[in-house]
């Protein structure tokens, strides 16, 4: 599969994730990850000058979304545990 095909797949996943986020079906962290994937996909179709900028920006947003997901998991786990006596 060439890079243009990967770009289209990433753009499609990003758009679907953003639509689901607007509809309220996904968490903010997942929407952040889909925005990062959208930037990854767009970076396949732009000139070499913008490729690095969009790719790095997408990576930063994906990492931020993963951090939000991990934080949410730990927060939910802390709320579910009964307090120690």
Protein backbone atom coordinates (compact mmCIF):
# COMPACT_ATOMS: atom_id res chain seq x y z
CA UNK A 1 0.00 0.00 0.00
CA UNK A 2 1.49 3.34 -0.97
CA UNK A 3 1.60 6.47 1.16
CA UNK A 4 -1.37 8.11 -0.59
CA UNK A 5 -3.57 5.17 0.38
CA UNK A 6 -2.40 5.45 3.99
CA UNK A 7 -3.14 9.16 3.79
CA UNK A 8 -6.72 8.54 2.67
CA UNK A 9 -7.25 5.96 5.41
CA UNK A 10 -5.91 8.35 8.07
CA UNK A 11 -8.08 11.20 6.76
CA UNK A 12 -11.17 8.95 6.78
CA UNK A 13 -10.52 7.76 10.34
CA UNK A 14 -9.89 11.33 11.45
CA UNK A 15 -13.10 12.64 9.89
CA UNK A 16 -15.19 9.79 11.33
CA UNK A 17 -13.67 10.39 14.77
CA UNK A 18 -14.37 14.11 14.62
CA UNK A 19 -17.98 13.52 13.51
CA UNK A 20 -18.51 11.05 16.35
CA UNK A 21 -16.97 13.55 18.76
CA UNK A 22 -19.31 16.33 17.61
CA UNK A 23 -22.25 13.96 18.04
CA UNK A 24 -21.09 13.21 21.59
CA UNK A 25 -20.35 9.53 20.97
CA UNK A 26 -16.62 9.71 21.81
CA UNK A 27 -14.52 11.19 24.58
CA UNK A 28 -12.41 14.30 24.10
CA UNK A 29 -9.23 12.24 24.22
CA UNK A 30 -10.38 10.08 21.31
CA UNK A 31 -11.33 13.19 19.35
CA UNK A 32 -7.84 14.59 19.94
CA UNK A 33 -6.33 11.37 18.58
CA UNK A 34 -8.58 11.52 15.51
CA UNK A 35 -7.54 15.16 14.89
CA UNK A 36 -3.91 14.04 15.02
CA UNK A 37 -4.65 11.24 12.55
CA UNK A 38 -6.36 13.76 10.29
CA UNK A 39 -3.20 15.87 10.30
CA UNK A 40 -1.12 12.76 9.57
CA UNK A 41 -3.34 12.00 6.59
CA UNK A 42 -3.25 15.55 5.25
CA UNK A 43 0.54 15.56 5.52
CA UNK A 44 0.72 12.87 2.83
CA UNK A 45 -0.85 15.21 0.28
CA UNK A 46 1.07 18.46 0.85
CA UNK A 47 4.48 19.61 -0.30
CA UNK A 48 7.64 18.51 1.44
CA UNK A 49 7.90 21.90 3.20
CA UNK A 50 4.58 21.37 5.02
CA UNK A 51 4.93 17.58 5.43
CA UNK A 52 7.24 17.76 8.43
CA UNK A 53 5.26 20.50 10.14
CA UNK A 54 1.91 18.71 9.80
CA UNK A 55 3.42 15.34 10.67
CA UNK A 56 5.05 16.69 13.85
CA UNK A 57 1.88 18.58 14.79
CA UNK A 58 -0.20 15.45 14.30
CA UNK A 59 2.21 13.42 16.42
CA UNK A 60 2.07 16.00 19.19
CA UNK A 61 -1.73 16.01 19.19
CA UNK A 62 -1.91 12.19 19.13
CA UNK A 63 0.49 11.99 22.09
CA UNK A 64 -1.57 14.60 23.94
CA UNK A 65 -4.73 12.55 23.29
CA UNK A 66 -3.05 9.36 24.51
CA UNK A 67 -1.96 11.20 27.67
CA UNK A 68 -5.54 12.35 28.21
CA UNK A 69 -6.76 8.76 27.79
CA UNK A 70 -4.25 7.42 30.30
CA UNK A 71 -5.12 10.17 32.77
CA UNK A 72 -8.82 9.36 32.40
CA UNK A 73 -8.16 5.65 33.00
CA UNK A 74 -6.23 6.34 36.20
CA UNK A 75 -8.87 8.80 37.41
CA UNK A 76 -11.67 6.28 36.82
CA UNK A 77 -9.69 3.54 38.54
CA UNK A 78 -9.10 5.77 41.56
CA UNK A 79 -12.82 6.58 41.80
CA UNK A 80 -13.87 2.92 41.60
CA UNK A 81 -11.56 1.62 44.33
CA UNK A 82 -13.05 1.58 47.81
CA UNK A 83 -11.02 3.60 50.33
CA UNK A 84 -8.58 1.66 52.48
CA UNK A 85 -9.36 1.40 56.17
